[in-house]
C-alpha cells in the first residue's frame, strides 16, 4: 500500500474568518430558536383581568333614580377599562341622591386600578348605592364582551 501524504497549508486569516462565520451562524440559529419557540407559560393569562378582552368602544347601562334615568358609560379598549362615568347626572339628581357621585368615584378608582370588579370594596353607608352602580358597570362590561363574541 502506498500512502501519499498531502500537506494542506491554511493561512491563519482563513481560519479566523471561518471561526467567526461559524460562531455567527450558531448565534443566529440560537436567536431564531429563542424568538420563535412557543412558551407554554405565556400562552395562559396571568390573572383574571388578563383574560378580559373587550371590543373597544363606549358601552352604557342605565340606572333609574326616581323619575330620572342616569347612564353609566364604560370606555374600554381591547384589554383595559379606561374610564367609567355617569351621564347625565344633573344637579337635581345629585341633590336628591348625594351618595351616587362619591360612591361612583370610589368604585371607578378601584376598578381602573385593578381592572376587575372582583376585589371592589365600599363603605357600609354606600352599600346599596355601590351595589346598584356595580350592577350597571357589570352590565356595560358584559355588553363589551358580548360584542366580541358575536363578531367571531
N, C-alpha and C. Protein backbone atom coordinates (compact mmCIF):
# COMPACT_ATOMS: atom_id res chain seq x y z
N UNK A 1 0.82 -1.17 0.00
CA UNK A 1 0.00 0.00 0.00
C UNK A 1 0.87 1.24 0.00
N UNK A 2 0.48 2.11 -0.83
CA UNK A 2 1.25 3.34 -0.87
C UNK A 2 0.42 4.46 -0.24
N UNK A 3 0.97 5.09 0.66
CA UNK A 3 0.31 6.20 1.35
C UNK A 3 0.96 7.48 0.90
N UNK A 4 0.15 8.29 0.29
CA UNK A 4 0.68 9.57 -0.15
C UNK A 4 0.27 10.62 0.88
N UNK A 5 1.19 11.27 1.40
CA UNK A 5 0.95 12.31 2.39
C UNK A 5 0.64 13.60 1.66
N UNK A 6 -0.48 14.22 2.08
CA UNK A 6 -0.86 15.51 1.49
C UNK A 6 -0.66 16.57 2.55
N UNK A 7 -0.09 17.59 2.18
CA UNK A 7 0.14 18.70 3.08
C UNK A 7 -0.82 19.82 2.68
N UNK A 8 -1.61 20.25 3.67
CA UNK A 8 -2.57 21.33 3.45
C UNK A 8 -2.05 22.55 4.19
N UNK A 9 -1.97 23.62 3.51
CA UNK A 9 -1.48 24.86 4.09
C UNK A 9 -2.68 25.79 4.25
N UNK A 10 -2.95 26.14 5.48
CA UNK A 10 -4.03 27.08 5.76
C UNK A 10 -3.42 28.35 6.32
N UNK A 11 -3.95 29.41 5.88
CA UNK A 11 -3.49 30.68 6.41
C UNK A 11 -4.31 31.00 7.67
N UNK A 12 -3.70 31.65 8.60
CA UNK A 12 -4.35 31.96 9.86
C UNK A 12 -5.56 32.86 9.63
N UNK A 13 -5.51 33.74 8.65
CA UNK A 13 -6.62 34.64 8.35
C UNK A 13 -7.86 33.85 7.95
N UNK A 14 -7.70 32.80 7.14
CA UNK A 14 -8.82 31.98 6.72
C UNK A 14 -9.42 31.22 7.90
N UNK A 15 -8.63 30.74 8.80
CA UNK A 15 -9.12 30.02 9.98
C UNK A 15 -9.93 30.97 10.88
N UNK A 16 -9.45 32.17 11.06
CA UNK A 16 -10.16 33.14 11.91
C UNK A 16 -11.50 33.52 11.26
N UNK A 17 -11.53 33.80 9.98
CA UNK A 17 -12.78 34.13 9.30
C UNK A 17 -13.77 32.98 9.38
N UNK A 18 -13.32 31.77 9.18
CA UNK A 18 -14.19 30.60 9.25
C UNK A 18 -14.76 30.45 10.66
N UNK A 19 -13.94 30.62 11.67
CA UNK A 19 -14.42 30.51 13.05
C UNK A 19 -15.45 31.59 13.36
N UNK A 20 -15.22 32.79 12.89
CA UNK A 20 -16.17 33.89 13.12
C UNK A 20 -17.50 33.59 12.44
N UNK A 21 -17.48 33.12 11.20
CA UNK A 21 -18.72 32.82 10.49
C UNK A 21 -19.46 31.65 11.14
N UNK A 22 -18.77 30.66 11.60
CA UNK A 22 -19.41 29.54 12.30
C UNK A 22 -20.04 30.04 13.60
N UNK A 23 -19.32 30.90 14.32
CA UNK A 23 -19.87 31.47 15.56
C UNK A 23 -21.11 32.30 15.30
N UNK A 24 -21.09 33.12 14.26
CA UNK A 24 -22.27 33.92 13.92
C UNK A 24 -23.44 33.04 13.49
N UNK A 25 -23.17 31.98 12.78
CA UNK A 25 -24.24 31.07 12.36
C UNK A 25 -24.88 30.40 13.57
N UNK A 26 -24.07 29.98 14.53
CA UNK A 26 -24.61 29.36 15.75
C UNK A 26 -25.43 30.38 16.54
N UNK A 27 -24.93 31.60 16.63
CA UNK A 27 -25.65 32.66 17.33
C UNK A 27 -26.98 32.96 16.65
N UNK A 28 -26.99 33.02 15.34
CA UNK A 28 -28.21 33.28 14.59
C UNK A 28 -29.24 32.17 14.78
N UNK A 29 -28.79 30.94 14.72
CA UNK A 29 -29.70 29.80 14.94
C UNK A 29 -30.27 29.84 16.35
N UNK A 30 -29.43 30.13 17.34
CA UNK A 30 -29.91 30.21 18.72
C UNK A 30 -30.92 31.35 18.87
N UNK A 31 -30.67 32.47 18.21
CA UNK A 31 -31.59 33.60 18.27
C UNK A 31 -32.94 33.24 17.66
N UNK A 32 -32.94 32.56 16.53
CA UNK A 32 -34.19 32.13 15.91
C UNK A 32 -34.95 31.16 16.81
N UNK A 33 -34.24 30.25 17.43
CA UNK A 33 -34.91 29.30 18.32
C UNK A 33 -35.54 30.00 19.52
N UNK A 34 -34.85 30.98 20.06
CA UNK A 34 -35.40 31.70 21.20
C UNK A 34 -36.60 32.54 20.79
N UNK A 35 -36.52 33.19 19.63
CA UNK A 35 -37.60 34.07 19.20
C UNK A 35 -38.86 33.31 18.79
N UNK A 36 -38.71 32.19 18.16
CA UNK A 36 -39.85 31.52 17.58
C UNK A 36 -40.32 30.28 18.35
N UNK A 37 -39.78 30.05 19.50
CA UNK A 37 -40.27 28.91 20.28
C UNK A 37 -41.58 29.31 20.94
N UNK A 38 -42.35 28.32 21.29
CA UNK A 38 -43.62 28.57 21.96
C UNK A 38 -43.44 28.38 23.44
N UNK A 39 -43.79 29.42 24.19
CA UNK A 39 -43.74 29.33 25.63
C UNK A 39 -45.08 28.82 26.13
N UNK A 40 -45.05 27.76 26.86
CA UNK A 40 -46.29 27.24 27.42
C UNK A 40 -46.78 28.15 28.54
N UNK A 41 -45.88 28.79 29.25
CA UNK A 41 -46.26 29.67 30.34
C UNK A 41 -46.90 30.95 29.86
N UNK A 42 -46.47 31.48 28.72
CA UNK A 42 -47.02 32.74 28.24
C UNK A 42 -48.34 32.55 27.51
N UNK A 43 -48.70 31.35 27.16
CA UNK A 43 -49.95 31.11 26.46
C UNK A 43 -51.14 31.28 27.40
N UNK A 44 -50.94 31.10 28.69
CA UNK A 44 -52.01 31.23 29.64
C UNK A 44 -51.91 32.58 30.33
N UNK A 45 -53.03 33.27 30.46
CA UNK A 45 -53.01 34.57 31.10
C UNK A 45 -52.63 34.47 32.57
N UNK A 46 -52.03 35.54 33.08
CA UNK A 46 -51.54 35.53 34.44
C UNK A 46 -52.63 35.77 35.46
N UNK A 47 -53.61 36.57 35.13
CA UNK A 47 -54.64 36.90 36.09
C UNK A 47 -55.99 36.96 35.40
N UNK A 48 -57.08 36.98 36.18
CA UNK A 48 -58.39 37.05 35.56
C UNK A 48 -58.58 38.32 34.74
N UNK A 49 -57.94 39.41 35.17
CA UNK A 49 -58.08 40.64 34.39
C UNK A 49 -57.38 40.52 33.05
N UNK A 50 -56.35 39.69 32.95
CA UNK A 50 -55.66 39.49 31.69
C UNK A 50 -56.53 38.69 30.72
N UNK A 51 -57.47 37.91 31.23
CA UNK A 51 -58.38 37.14 30.40
C UNK A 51 -59.41 38.04 29.74
N UNK A 52 -59.71 39.15 30.39
CA UNK A 52 -60.73 40.04 29.88
C UNK A 52 -60.29 40.64 28.56
N UNK A 53 -61.13 40.47 27.57
CA UNK A 53 -60.87 41.14 26.30
C UNK A 53 -62.20 41.71 25.83
N UNK A 54 -62.15 42.94 25.43
CA UNK A 54 -63.35 43.66 25.07
C UNK A 54 -63.25 44.16 23.65
N UNK A 55 -64.39 44.50 23.09
CA UNK A 55 -64.42 45.22 21.84
C UNK A 55 -64.28 46.69 22.19
N UNK A 56 -63.27 47.37 21.68
CA UNK A 56 -63.06 48.76 22.06
C UNK A 56 -64.28 49.63 21.75
N UNK A 57 -64.58 50.50 22.68
CA UNK A 57 -65.71 51.40 22.48
C UNK A 57 -66.25 51.91 23.80
N UNK A 58 -67.39 52.57 23.72
CA UNK A 58 -68.08 53.11 24.89
C UNK A 58 -69.39 52.35 25.04
N UNK A 59 -69.60 51.75 26.19
CA UNK A 59 -70.79 50.96 26.45
C UNK A 59 -71.52 51.56 27.64
N UNK A 60 -72.84 51.55 27.58
CA UNK A 60 -73.60 52.18 28.65
C UNK A 60 -74.67 51.24 29.17
N UNK A 61 -75.05 51.53 30.39
CA UNK A 61 -76.14 50.83 31.06
C UNK A 61 -76.90 51.88 31.86
N UNK A 62 -78.20 51.81 31.87
CA UNK A 62 -78.96 52.86 32.53
C UNK A 62 -79.40 52.43 33.92
N UNK A 63 -79.52 53.45 34.79
CA UNK A 63 -79.99 53.27 36.15
C UNK A 63 -81.17 54.21 36.32
N UNK A 64 -82.19 53.73 36.96
CA UNK A 64 -83.35 54.55 37.23
C UNK A 64 -83.25 55.10 38.65
N UNK A 65 -83.12 56.42 38.77
CA UNK A 65 -83.08 57.09 40.07
C UNK A 65 -84.33 57.94 40.19
N UNK A 66 -85.32 57.40 40.84
CA UNK A 66 -86.60 58.10 40.92
C UNK A 66 -87.21 58.17 39.54
N UNK A 67 -87.49 59.38 39.09
CA UNK A 67 -88.07 59.56 37.76
C UNK A 67 -87.00 59.87 36.71
N UNK A 68 -85.74 59.89 37.12
CA UNK A 68 -84.65 60.23 36.20
C UNK A 68 -83.87 58.99 35.79
N UNK A 69 -83.39 59.02 34.58
CA UNK A 69 -82.52 57.96 34.07
C UNK A 69 -81.08 58.48 34.04
N UNK A 70 -80.17 57.69 34.58
CA UNK A 70 -78.76 58.03 34.56
C UNK A 70 -78.04 56.90 33.85
N UNK A 71 -77.18 57.24 32.91
CA UNK A 71 -76.40 56.23 32.19
C UNK A 71 -75.02 56.10 32.81
N UNK A 72 -74.60 54.86 32.98
CA UNK A 72 -73.23 54.57 33.39
C UNK A 72 -72.49 54.21 32.10
N UNK A 73 -71.52 55.03 31.72
CA UNK A 73 -70.77 54.80 30.49
C UNK A 73 -69.39 54.26 30.83
N UNK A 74 -69.06 53.12 30.24
CA UNK A 74 -67.77 52.47 30.46
C UNK A 74 -67.02 52.49 29.13
N UNK A 75 -65.83 53.07 29.15
CA UNK A 75 -64.99 53.12 27.95
C UNK A 75 -63.89 52.07 28.09
N UNK A 76 -63.81 51.19 27.09
CA UNK A 76 -62.82 50.11 27.13
C UNK A 76 -62.02 50.09 25.83
N UNK A 77 -60.78 49.56 25.93
CA UNK A 77 -60.04 49.21 24.73
C UNK A 77 -59.97 47.69 24.71
N UNK A 78 -59.08 47.13 23.95
CA UNK A 78 -59.07 45.67 23.77
C UNK A 78 -58.89 44.89 25.07
N UNK A 79 -58.09 45.40 26.00
CA UNK A 79 -57.80 44.65 27.22
C UNK A 79 -57.97 45.43 28.50
N UNK A 80 -58.37 46.70 28.43
CA UNK A 80 -58.40 47.52 29.63
C UNK A 80 -59.69 48.32 29.74
N UNK A 81 -60.08 48.58 30.96
CA UNK A 81 -61.16 49.51 31.24
C UNK A 81 -60.51 50.88 31.38
N UNK A 82 -60.90 51.83 30.55
CA UNK A 82 -60.24 53.13 30.53
C UNK A 82 -60.93 54.17 31.39
N UNK A 83 -62.27 54.20 31.39
CA UNK A 83 -62.98 55.18 32.21
C UNK A 83 -64.39 54.70 32.48
N UNK A 84 -64.94 55.21 33.58
CA UNK A 84 -66.32 54.92 33.97
C UNK A 84 -66.90 56.25 34.44
N UNK A 85 -67.99 56.68 33.79
CA UNK A 85 -68.60 57.95 34.17
C UNK A 85 -70.12 57.82 34.21
N UNK A 86 -70.75 58.76 34.91
CA UNK A 86 -72.21 58.85 34.96
C UNK A 86 -72.65 59.97 34.02
N UNK A 87 -73.63 59.69 33.16
CA UNK A 87 -74.16 60.71 32.25
C UNK A 87 -75.65 60.55 32.15
N UNK A 88 -76.44 61.49 32.03
CA UNK A 88 -76.26 62.85 32.53
C UNK A 88 -76.64 62.87 34.01
N UNK A 89 -75.76 63.32 34.82
CA UNK A 89 -76.03 63.46 36.25
C UNK A 89 -76.31 64.94 36.50
N UNK A 90 -77.58 65.29 36.45
CA UNK A 90 -77.97 66.69 36.61
C UNK A 90 -77.84 67.11 38.07
N UNK A 91 -77.93 68.41 38.29
CA UNK A 91 -77.83 68.94 39.64
C UNK A 91 -78.97 68.44 40.52
N UNK A 92 -80.16 68.32 39.96
CA UNK A 92 -81.30 67.86 40.76
C UNK A 92 -81.11 66.41 41.20
N UNK A 93 -80.57 65.57 40.30
CA UNK A 93 -80.32 64.17 40.66
C UNK A 93 -79.21 64.08 41.70
N UNK A 94 -78.18 64.90 41.55
CA UNK A 94 -77.08 64.92 42.51
C UNK A 94 -77.55 65.39 43.87
N UNK A 95 -78.50 66.34 43.90
CA UNK A 95 -79.02 66.82 45.18
C UNK A 95 -79.93 65.79 45.83
N UNK A 96 -80.70 65.08 45.03
CA UNK A 96 -81.63 64.08 45.58
C UNK A 96 -80.90 62.81 46.02
N UNK A 97 -79.83 62.48 45.35
CA UNK A 97 -79.06 61.26 45.66
C UNK A 97 -77.60 61.63 45.87
N UNK A 98 -77.27 62.14 47.05
CA UNK A 98 -75.91 62.66 47.26
C UNK A 98 -74.82 61.59 47.35
N UNK A 99 -75.18 60.34 47.56
CA UNK A 99 -74.17 59.29 47.68
C UNK A 99 -73.74 58.72 46.33
N UNK A 100 -74.44 59.08 45.27
CA UNK A 100 -74.14 58.48 43.97
C UNK A 100 -72.76 58.90 43.46
N UNK A 101 -72.47 60.19 43.48
CA UNK A 101 -71.18 60.66 42.95
C UNK A 101 -69.98 60.14 43.74
N UNK A 102 -69.95 60.25 45.09
CA UNK A 102 -68.79 59.73 45.82
C UNK A 102 -68.64 58.21 45.69
N UNK A 103 -69.77 57.51 45.67
CA UNK A 103 -69.70 56.05 45.52
C UNK A 103 -69.14 55.68 44.15
N UNK A 104 -69.57 56.41 43.12
CA UNK A 104 -69.09 56.14 41.77
C UNK A 104 -67.60 56.46 41.66
N UNK A 105 -67.15 57.54 42.27
CA UNK A 105 -65.74 57.89 42.22
C UNK A 105 -64.89 56.83 42.91
N UNK A 106 -65.36 56.35 44.06
CA UNK A 106 -64.65 55.30 44.80
C UNK A 106 -64.55 54.02 43.98
N UNK A 107 -65.67 53.62 43.39
CA UNK A 107 -65.67 52.40 42.56
C UNK A 107 -64.79 52.55 41.33
N UNK A 108 -64.88 53.71 40.69
CA UNK A 108 -64.08 53.95 39.48
C UNK A 108 -62.59 53.86 39.78
N UNK A 109 -62.17 54.48 40.87
CA UNK A 109 -60.76 54.43 41.23
C UNK A 109 -60.29 52.99 41.44
N UNK A 110 -61.07 52.20 42.14
CA UNK A 110 -60.69 50.81 42.41
C UNK A 110 -60.69 49.96 41.15
N UNK A 111 -61.71 50.12 40.32
CA UNK A 111 -61.83 49.30 39.11
C UNK A 111 -60.72 49.63 38.11
N UNK A 112 -60.44 50.91 37.93
CA UNK A 112 -59.38 51.29 36.99
C UNK A 112 -58.01 50.83 37.48
N UNK A 113 -57.83 50.79 38.78
CA UNK A 113 -56.54 50.34 39.33
C UNK A 113 -56.37 48.83 39.17
N UNK A 114 -57.42 48.07 39.49
CA UNK A 114 -57.30 46.60 39.44
C UNK A 114 -57.77 45.99 38.13
N UNK A 115 -58.48 46.76 37.29
CA UNK A 115 -59.04 46.28 36.03
C UNK A 115 -59.97 45.09 36.23
N UNK A 116 -60.61 45.04 37.39
CA UNK A 116 -61.51 43.94 37.70
C UNK A 116 -62.58 44.41 38.67
N UNK A 117 -63.73 43.77 38.61
CA UNK A 117 -64.81 44.08 39.56
C UNK A 117 -64.78 43.15 40.76
N UNK A 118 -63.85 42.21 40.78
CA UNK A 118 -63.85 41.19 41.82
C UNK A 118 -63.46 41.70 43.20
N UNK A 119 -62.47 42.53 43.31
CA UNK A 119 -61.93 42.93 44.62
C UNK A 119 -62.38 44.33 45.03
N UNK A 120 -63.53 44.75 44.59
CA UNK A 120 -64.01 46.10 44.90
C UNK A 120 -64.59 46.11 46.31
N UNK A 121 -64.19 47.11 47.09
CA UNK A 121 -64.74 47.28 48.44
C UNK A 121 -65.43 48.64 48.52
N UNK A 122 -66.36 48.75 49.43
CA UNK A 122 -67.06 50.01 49.61
C UNK A 122 -67.49 50.14 51.06
N UNK A 123 -67.81 51.38 51.44
CA UNK A 123 -68.19 51.67 52.81
C UNK A 123 -69.60 51.16 53.07
N UNK A 124 -69.90 50.90 54.34
CA UNK A 124 -71.21 50.36 54.69
C UNK A 124 -72.32 51.38 54.42
N UNK A 125 -72.02 52.69 54.49
CA UNK A 125 -73.04 53.71 54.21
C UNK A 125 -73.42 53.71 52.73
N UNK A 126 -72.52 53.27 51.88
CA UNK A 126 -72.75 53.29 50.44
C UNK A 126 -73.04 51.91 49.88
N UNK A 127 -73.45 51.00 50.73
CA UNK A 127 -73.61 49.60 50.33
C UNK A 127 -74.60 49.43 49.17
N UNK A 128 -75.78 49.97 49.31
CA UNK A 128 -76.80 49.76 48.28
C UNK A 128 -76.52 50.58 47.03
N UNK A 129 -76.04 51.79 47.22
CA UNK A 129 -75.70 52.63 46.08
C UNK A 129 -74.56 51.99 45.28
N UNK A 130 -73.55 51.51 45.99
CA UNK A 130 -72.41 50.87 45.30
C UNK A 130 -72.84 49.59 44.60
N UNK A 131 -73.71 48.82 45.23
CA UNK A 131 -74.18 47.58 44.60
C UNK A 131 -74.95 47.89 43.32
N UNK A 132 -75.77 48.95 43.35
CA UNK A 132 -76.53 49.34 42.16
C UNK A 132 -75.57 49.80 41.05
N UNK A 133 -74.56 50.57 41.40
CA UNK A 133 -73.59 51.04 40.41
C UNK A 133 -72.74 49.89 39.86
N UNK A 134 -72.34 48.99 40.72
CA UNK A 134 -71.57 47.82 40.26
C UNK A 134 -72.37 46.97 39.29
N UNK A 135 -73.65 46.83 39.57
CA UNK A 135 -74.51 46.04 38.68
C UNK A 135 -74.59 46.70 37.30
N UNK A 136 -74.69 48.03 37.27
CA UNK A 136 -74.74 48.75 35.99
C UNK A 136 -73.39 48.67 35.26
N UNK A 137 -72.29 48.78 36.01
CA UNK A 137 -70.97 48.67 35.39
C UNK A 137 -70.77 47.27 34.80
N UNK A 138 -71.20 46.26 35.55
CA UNK A 138 -71.08 44.88 35.06
C UNK A 138 -71.91 44.67 33.80
N UNK A 139 -73.11 45.26 33.76
CA UNK A 139 -73.96 45.14 32.57
C UNK A 139 -73.28 45.78 31.36
N UNK A 140 -72.65 46.93 31.55
CA UNK A 140 -71.95 47.59 30.44
C UNK A 140 -70.75 46.77 29.99
N UNK A 141 -70.00 46.19 30.94
CA UNK A 141 -68.86 45.35 30.57
C UNK A 141 -69.31 44.07 29.87
N UNK A 142 -70.46 43.54 30.27
CA UNK A 142 -71.00 42.36 29.58
C UNK A 142 -71.33 42.69 28.13
N UNK A 143 -71.84 43.89 27.90
CA UNK A 143 -72.10 44.31 26.51
C UNK A 143 -70.81 44.36 25.71
N UNK A 144 -69.75 44.86 26.32
CA UNK A 144 -68.47 44.95 25.63
C UNK A 144 -67.93 43.57 25.31
N UNK A 145 -68.08 42.62 26.23
CA UNK A 145 -67.60 41.26 25.99
C UNK A 145 -68.48 40.53 24.99
N UNK A 146 -69.79 40.75 25.03
CA UNK A 146 -70.72 40.09 24.10
C UNK A 146 -70.48 40.54 22.68
N UNK A 147 -70.12 41.82 22.49
CA UNK A 147 -69.89 42.32 21.15
C UNK A 147 -68.77 41.56 20.46
N UNK A 148 -67.72 41.20 21.21
CA UNK A 148 -66.61 40.47 20.62
C UNK A 148 -67.01 39.05 20.25
N UNK A 149 -67.78 38.39 21.12
CA UNK A 149 -68.15 37.00 20.85
C UNK A 149 -69.10 36.91 19.67
N UNK A 150 -69.91 37.97 19.43
CA UNK A 150 -70.80 37.95 18.28
C UNK A 150 -70.05 38.16 16.98
N UNK A 151 -68.96 38.92 17.03
CA UNK A 151 -68.22 39.19 15.80
C UNK A 151 -67.35 38.03 15.36
N UNK A 152 -67.13 37.06 16.22
CA UNK A 152 -66.31 35.91 15.85
C UNK A 152 -67.11 35.03 15.00
